[in-house]
Amino acid sequence: MKIEKRKLPGVHEITLAPRGDHRGYFMRLYDKQIFAEAGIDRSWLQENEARTEKRHTVRGLHFQRPPSAETKLIRASQGVVLDVFVDLRAGSPTYGQWDCVELDAAKHNMVLIPRGFAHGYCTLSDNSVVTYKVDSMYAPTLEGGLRWNDPQVGIAWPVSEPIISDRDKVQPLLTELEPIAEAWA
């Protein structure tokens, strides 16, 4: 397992190391000790899965406000997605900036996104499955969103007219959101 820091503080890309033979492979998805050695110490409380049938579908950008803000550990368990995240942490020097990681089931990579980020993804293949762990329980009343195509954020999505939910089409712009009051250092 290889853990690398990304450009936005607190974000890490994790590349898994499957061991295989003529039967297939075995792969460790999570190791508390390896994560702790990389400065990532979380207790995962929930695991979710989302299947998307059509490529060029955008899901997000979503987040939870404190006290239910979530750290997410995300992977494509089937297919390929462009995973995108935007820093919404109050006082962060990278507030409003975005980054992305292409998650590919065949490459066995994941991304860890800390609390205080909006998160979404664009499917790059049909029948994509995204699984993710979170370290806080979902609270519908604390759910928020950021418009997927906010021009101020300027995400370079790989598709100009995605399949997207009506709800995600009308999420607030960055200028309409209050930063997430969550310690980010």
C-alpha atoms as a PDB file:
ATOM      1  CA  MET A   1       0.000   0.000   0.000  1.00  0.00           C
ATOM      2  CA  LYS A   2       1.423   3.352  -1.037  1.00  0.00           C
ATOM      3  CA  ILE A   3       0.027   6.590   0.467  1.00  0.00           C
ATOM      4  CA  GLU A   4       0.853   9.909  -1.221  1.00  0.00           C
ATOM      5  CA  LYS A   5      -0.177  13.437  -0.245  1.00  0.00           C
ATOM      6  CA  ARG A   6      -2.032  15.455  -2.887  1.00  0.00           C
ATOM      7  CA  LYS A   7      -1.789  19.223  -3.447  1.00  0.00           C
ATOM      8  CA  LEU A   8      -4.722  20.106  -1.138  1.00  0.00           C
ATOM      9  CA  PRO A   9      -3.760  19.655   2.553  1.00  0.00           C
ATOM     10  CA  GLY A  10      -5.201  16.508   4.096  1.00  0.00           C
ATOM     11  CA  VAL A  11      -5.980  14.744   0.808  1.00  0.00           C
ATOM     12  CA  HIS A  12      -4.118  11.507   0.071  1.00  0.00           C
ATOM     13  CA  GLU A  13      -4.087   9.110  -2.879  1.00  0.00           C
ATOM     14  CA  ILE A  14      -3.675   5.490  -1.866  1.00  0.00           C
ATOM     15  CA  THR A  15      -2.514   2.844  -4.299  1.00  0.00           C
ATOM     16  CA  LEU A  16      -3.271  -0.697  -3.217  1.00  0.00           C
ATOM     17  CA  ALA A  17      -0.965  -3.647  -3.856  1.00  0.00           C
ATOM     18  CA  PRO A  18      -2.808  -6.778  -4.972  1.00  0.00           C
ATOM     19  CA  ARG A  19      -0.903 -10.060  -4.714  1.00  0.00           C
ATOM     20  CA  GLY A  20      -1.940 -12.472  -7.380  1.00  0.00           C
ATOM     21  CA  ASP A  21      -1.377 -15.864  -8.896  1.00  0.00           C
ATOM     22  CA  HIS A  22      -3.187 -18.127 -11.361  1.00  0.00           C
ATOM     23  CA  ARG A  23      -6.318 -18.051  -9.142  1.00  0.00           C
ATOM     24  CA  GLY A  24      -6.704 -14.261  -8.988  1.00  0.00           C
ATOM     25  CA  TYR A  25      -5.529 -11.842  -6.309  1.00  0.00           C
ATOM     26  CA  PHE A  26      -5.778 -10.832  -2.661  1.00  0.00           C
ATOM     27  CA  MET A  27      -5.628  -7.169  -1.690  1.00  0.00           C
ATOM     28  CA  ARG A  28      -5.713  -5.322   1.629  1.00  0.00           C
ATOM     29  CA  LEU A  29      -8.104  -2.369   1.346  1.00  0.00           C
ATOM     30  CA  TYR A  30      -7.396  -0.831   4.722  1.00  0.00           C
ATOM     31  CA  ASP A  31      -4.727  -1.214   7.386  1.00  0.00           C
ATOM     32  CA  LYS A  32      -5.119   0.906  10.530  1.00  0.00           C
ATOM     33  CA  GLN A  33      -1.380   0.755  11.317  1.00  0.00           C
ATOM     34  CA  ILE A  34      -0.228   1.788   7.825  1.00  0.00           C
ATOM     35  CA  PHE A  35      -2.739   4.640   7.789  1.00  0.00           C
ATOM     36  CA  ALA A  36      -1.675   5.774  11.283  1.00  0.00           C
ATOM     37  CA  GLU A  37       1.992   5.794  10.188  1.00  0.00           C
ATOM     38  CA  ALA A  38       0.933   8.161   7.371  1.00  0.00           C
ATOM     39  CA  GLY A  39      -0.784  10.444   9.909  1.00  0.00           C
ATOM     40  CA  ILE A  40      -4.298   9.229   9.081  1.00  0.00           C
ATOM     41  CA  ASP A  41      -6.100   7.944  12.153  1.00  0.00           C
ATOM     42  CA  ARG A  42      -9.821   7.466  11.585  1.00  0.00           C
ATOM     43  CA  SER A  43     -12.545   5.213  12.920  1.00  0.00           C
ATOM     44  CA  TRP A  44     -14.779   4.309   9.990  1.00  0.00           C
ATOM     45  CA  LEU A  45     -18.465   4.232  10.994  1.00  0.00           C
ATOM     46  CA  GLN A  46     -20.268   3.579   7.739  1.00  0.00           C
ATOM     47  CA  GLU A  47     -19.546   2.174   4.280  1.00  0.00           C
ATOM     48  CA  ASN A  48     -21.589   3.145   1.226  1.00  0.00           C
ATOM     49  CA  GLU A  49     -21.816   2.047  -2.380  1.00  0.00           C
ATOM     50  CA  ALA A  50     -23.222   3.822  -5.437  1.00  0.00           C
ATOM     51  CA  ARG A  51     -23.747   2.194  -8.832  1.00  0.00           C
ATOM     52  CA  THR A  52     -24.115   4.387 -11.905  1.00  0.00           C
ATOM     53  CA  GLU A  53     -25.259   2.856 -15.167  1.00  0.00           C
ATOM     54  CA  LYS A  54     -24.175   5.465 -17.731  1.00  0.00           C
ATOM     55  CA  ARG A  55     -20.804   7.062 -18.344  1.00  0.00           C
ATOM     56  CA  HIS A  56     -20.631  10.861 -18.177  1.00  0.00           C
ATOM     57  CA  THR A  57     -22.902  10.994 -15.132  1.00  0.00           C
ATOM     58  CA  VAL A  58     -21.895  13.582 -12.523  1.00  0.00           C
ATOM     59  CA  ARG A  59     -22.815  12.959  -8.890  1.00  0.00           C
ATOM     60  CA  GLY A  60     -22.198  15.805  -6.458  1.00  0.00           C
ATOM     61  CA  LEU A  61     -20.734  17.984  -5.186  1.00  0.00           C
ATOM     62  CA  HIS A  62     -21.911  17.032  -1.678  1.00  0.00           C
ATOM     63  CA  PHE A  63     -20.746  17.524   1.911  1.00  0.00           C
ATOM     64  CA  GLN A  64     -21.901  17.295   5.529  1.00  0.00           C
ATOM     65  CA  ARG A  65     -21.624  20.174   7.988  1.00  0.00           C
ATOM     66  CA  PRO A  66     -20.283  19.710  11.544  1.00  0.00           C
ATOM     67  CA  PRO A  67     -20.815  17.921  13.768  1.00  0.00           C
ATOM     68  CA  SER A  68     -21.456  15.333  11.023  1.00  0.00           C
ATOM     69  CA  ALA A  69     -18.700  16.427   8.627  1.00  0.00           C
ATOM     70  CA  GLU A  70     -17.149  13.343   7.033  1.00  0.00           C
ATOM     71  CA  THR A  71     -13.724  12.118   6.090  1.00  0.00           C
ATOM     72  CA  LYS A  72     -14.207   9.839   3.065  1.00  0.00           C
ATOM     73  CA  LEU A  73     -12.095   6.959   1.784  1.00  0.00           C
ATOM     74  CA  ILE A  74     -13.256   6.395  -1.796  1.00  0.00           C
ATOM     75  CA  ARG A  75     -12.517   3.819  -4.480  1.00  0.00           C
ATOM     76  CA  ALA A  76     -13.987   2.624  -7.745  1.00  0.00           C
ATOM     77  CA  SER A  77     -14.695  -1.060  -7.163  1.00  0.00           C
ATOM     78  CA  GLN A  78     -15.921  -1.344 -10.759  1.00  0.00           C
ATOM     79  CA  GLY A  79     -15.181   0.900 -13.729  1.00  0.00           C
ATOM     80  CA  VAL A  80     -13.495   4.297 -13.814  1.00  0.00           C
ATOM     81  CA  VAL A  81     -14.534   7.656 -12.322  1.00  0.00           C
ATOM     82  CA  LEU A  82     -12.978  11.096 -12.110  1.00  0.00           C
ATOM     83  CA  ASP A  83     -13.249  11.845  -8.387  1.00  0.00           C
ATOM     84  CA  VAL A  84     -13.376  15.589  -7.648  1.00  0.00           C
ATOM     85  CA  PHE A  85     -13.134  17.468  -4.354  1.00  0.00           C
ATOM     86  CA  VAL A  86     -13.304  21.156  -3.389  1.00  0.00           C
ATOM     87  CA  ASP A  87     -11.847  22.645  -0.201  1.00  0.00           C
ATOM     88  CA  LEU A  88     -14.596  24.423   1.791  1.00  0.00           C
ATOM     89  CA  ARG A  89     -12.738  24.613   5.121  1.00  0.00           C
ATOM     90  CA  ALA A  90     -12.913  27.937   6.915  1.00  0.00           C
ATOM     91  CA  GLY A  91      -9.460  29.528   7.103  1.00  0.00           C
ATOM     92  CA  SER A  92      -7.839  27.049   4.724  1.00  0.00           C
ATOM     93  CA  PRO A  93      -5.210  28.576   2.417  1.00  0.00           C
ATOM     94  CA  THR A  94      -6.671  26.427  -0.388  1.00  0.00           C
ATOM     95  CA  TYR A  95     -10.327  27.410   0.232  1.00  0.00           C
ATOM     96  CA  GLY A  96     -12.353  27.151  -2.993  1.00  0.00           C
ATOM     97  CA  GLN A  97      -9.646  25.178  -4.811  1.00  0.00           C
ATOM     98  CA  TRP A  98     -10.292  21.790  -6.336  1.00  0.00           C
ATOM     99  CA  ASP A  99      -8.312  18.716  -7.284  1.00  0.00           C
ATOM    100  CA  CYS A 100      -9.184  15.336  -8.725  1.00  0.00           C
ATOM    101  CA  VAL A 101      -7.998  11.745  -8.917  1.00  0.00           C
ATOM    102  CA  GLU A 102      -8.979   9.248 -11.581  1.00  0.00           C
ATOM    103  CA  LEU A 103     -10.122   6.199  -9.658  1.00  0.00           C
ATOM    104  CA  ASP A 104      -9.892   3.008 -11.684  1.00  0.00           C
ATOM    105  CA  ALA A 105     -10.892  -0.421 -10.397  1.00  0.00           C
ATOM    106  CA  ALA A 106      -8.107  -1.949 -12.512  1.00  0.00           C
ATOM    107  CA  LYS A 107      -5.473   0.374 -10.991  1.00  0.00           C
ATOM    108  CA  HIS A 108      -6.601  -0.363  -7.404  1.00  0.00           C
ATOM    109  CA  ASN A 109      -6.327   3.223  -6.197  1.00  0.00           C
ATOM    110  CA  MET A 110      -8.320   5.212  -3.646  1.00  0.00           C
ATOM    111  CA  VAL A 111      -8.501   8.773  -2.387  1.00  0.00           C
ATOM    112  CA  LEU A 112      -8.873   9.975   1.187  1.00  0.00           C
ATOM    113  CA  ILE A 113     -10.708  13.297   1.462  1.00  0.00           C
ATOM    114  CA  PRO A 114     -10.782  15.012   4.875  1.00  0.00           C
ATOM    115  CA  ARG A 115     -13.722  16.727   6.532  1.00  0.00           C
ATOM    116  CA  GLY A 116     -14.657  20.091   5.085  1.00  0.00           C
ATOM    117  CA  PHE A 117     -14.559  19.194   1.394  1.00  0.00           C
ATOM    118  CA  ALA A 118     -17.350  19.014  -1.149  1.00  0.00           C
ATOM    119  CA  HIS A 119     -17.074  15.753  -3.074  1.00  0.00           C
ATOM    120  CA  GLY A 120     -18.386  14.425  -6.360  1.00  0.00           C
ATOM    121  CA  TYR A 121     -17.391  12.379  -9.374  1.00  0.00           C
ATOM    122  CA  CYS A 122     -17.968  11.868 -13.065  1.00  0.00           C
ATOM    123  CA  THR A 123     -18.284   8.330 -14.370  1.00  0.00           C
ATOM    124  CA  LEU A 124     -15.880   7.577 -17.219  1.00  0.00           C
ATOM    125  CA  SER A 125     -17.283   4.121 -17.903  1.00  0.00           C
ATOM    126  CA  ASP A 126     -20.709   2.509 -17.953  1.00  0.00           C
ATOM    127  CA  ASN A 127     -21.743   0.473 -14.903  1.00  0.00           C
ATOM    128  CA  SER A 128     -19.357   2.162 -12.468  1.00  0.00           C
ATOM    129  CA  VAL A 129     -19.483   1.256  -8.792  1.00  0.00           C
ATOM    130  CA  VAL A 130     -18.017   3.598  -6.170  1.00  0.00           C
ATOM    131  CA  THR A 131     -17.578   2.444  -2.576  1.00  0.00           C
ATOM    132  CA  TYR A 132     -16.548   4.674   0.287  1.00  0.00           C
ATOM    133  CA  LYS A 133     -16.063   4.638   4.010  1.00  0.00           C
ATOM    134  CA  VAL A 134     -16.992   7.621   6.192  1.00  0.00           C
ATOM    135  CA  ASP A 135     -16.030   8.497   9.758  1.00  0.00           C
ATOM    136  CA  SER A 136     -19.303  10.186  10.725  1.00  0.00           C
ATOM    137  CA  MET A 137     -22.930   9.131  10.571  1.00  0.00           C
ATOM    138  CA  TYR A 138     -25.058  10.676   7.834  1.00  0.00           C
ATOM    139  CA  ALA A 139     -27.301  13.520   9.027  1.00  0.00           C
ATOM    140  CA  PRO A 140     -29.827  14.697   6.402  1.00  0.00           C
ATOM    141  CA  THR A 141     -30.331  18.058   8.132  1.00  0.00           C
ATOM    142  CA  LEU A 142     -26.582  18.831   7.873  1.00  0.00           C
ATOM    143  CA  GLU A 143     -26.210  17.892   4.221  1.00  0.00           C
ATOM    144  CA  GLY A 144     -25.014  20.536   1.792  1.00  0.00           C
ATOM    145  CA  GLY A 145     -23.954  20.909  -1.793  1.00  0.00           C
ATOM    146  CA  LEU A 146     -21.936  23.015  -4.195  1.00  0.00           C
ATOM    147  CA  ARG A 147     -22.965  23.540  -7.828  1.00  0.00           C
ATOM    148  CA  TRP A 148     -21.046  21.089 -10.019  1.00  0.00           C
ATOM    149  CA  ASN A 149     -20.237  23.729 -12.654  1.00  0.00           C
ATOM    150  CA  ASP A 150     -19.608  26.797 -10.473  1.00  0.00           C
ATOM    151  CA  PRO A 151     -17.513  29.090 -12.735  1.00  0.00           C
ATOM    152  CA  GLN A 152     -15.605  30.515  -9.750  1.00  0.00           C
ATOM    153  CA  VAL A 153     -14.359  27.025  -8.804  1.00  0.00           C
ATOM    154  CA  GLY A 154     -13.725  26.142 -12.463  1.00  0.00           C
ATOM    155  CA  ILE A 155     -13.622  22.353 -12.325  1.00  0.00           C
ATOM    156  CA  ALA A 156     -12.376  20.863 -15.606  1.00  0.00           C
ATOM    157  CA  TRP A 157     -14.985  18.131 -15.931  1.00  0.00           C
ATOM    158  CA  PRO A 158     -14.366  15.708 -18.809  1.00  0.00           C
ATOM    159  CA  VAL A 159     -17.884  16.286 -20.171  1.00  0.00           C
ATOM    160  CA  SER A 160     -19.778  19.505 -20.906  1.00  0.00           C
ATOM    161  CA  GLU A 161     -23.338  18.124 -20.697  1.00  0.00           C
ATOM    162  CA  PRO A 162     -23.400  15.364 -18.099  1.00  0.00           C
ATOM    163  CA  ILE A 163     -26.274  13.276 -16.858  1.00  0.00           C
ATOM    164  CA  ILE A 164     -27.019  14.976 -13.539  1.00  0.00           C
ATOM    165  CA  SER A 165     -29.827  15.038 -10.982  1.00  0.00           C
ATOM    166  CA  ASP A 166     -32.206  17.990 -10.815  1.00  0.00           C
ATOM    167  CA  ARG A 167     -31.051  18.568  -7.230  1.00  0.00           C
ATOM    168  CA  ASP A 168     -27.367  18.802  -8.186  1.00  0.00           C
ATOM    169  CA  LYS A 169     -28.118  21.220 -11.042  1.00  0.00           C
ATOM    170  CA  VAL A 170     -29.325  23.876  -8.581  1.00  0.00           C
ATOM    171  CA  GLN A 171     -26.931  23.523  -5.655  1.00  0.00           C
ATOM    172  CA  PRO A 172     -25.560  26.848  -4.332  1.00  0.00           C
ATOM    173  CA  LEU A 173     -22.508  28.570  -5.788  1.00  0.00           C
ATOM    174  CA  LEU A 174     -19.346  28.970  -3.703  1.00  0.00           C
ATOM    175  CA  THR A 175     -20.187  32.650  -3.069  1.00  0.00           C
ATOM    176  CA  GLU A 176     -23.527  31.539  -1.547  1.00  0.00           C
ATOM    177  CA  LEU A 177     -21.966  29.062   0.910  1.00  0.00           C
ATOM    178  CA  GLU A 178     -20.531  29.661   4.343  1.00  0.00           C
ATOM    179  CA  PRO A 179     -17.161  27.960   4.812  1.00  0.00           C
ATOM    180  CA  ILE A 180     -17.277  24.768   6.826  1.00  0.00           C
ATOM    181  CA  ALA A 181     -16.117  25.543  10.364  1.00  0.00           C
ATOM    182  CA  GLU A 182     -13.899  22.504  10.848  1.00  0.00           C
ATOM    183  CA  ALA A 183     -10.305  22.332  11.992  1.00  0.00           C
ATOM    184  CA  TRP A 184      -8.218  21.660   8.904  1.00  0.00           C
ATOM    185  CA  ALA A 185      -4.611  21.775  10.057  1.00  0.00           C
END
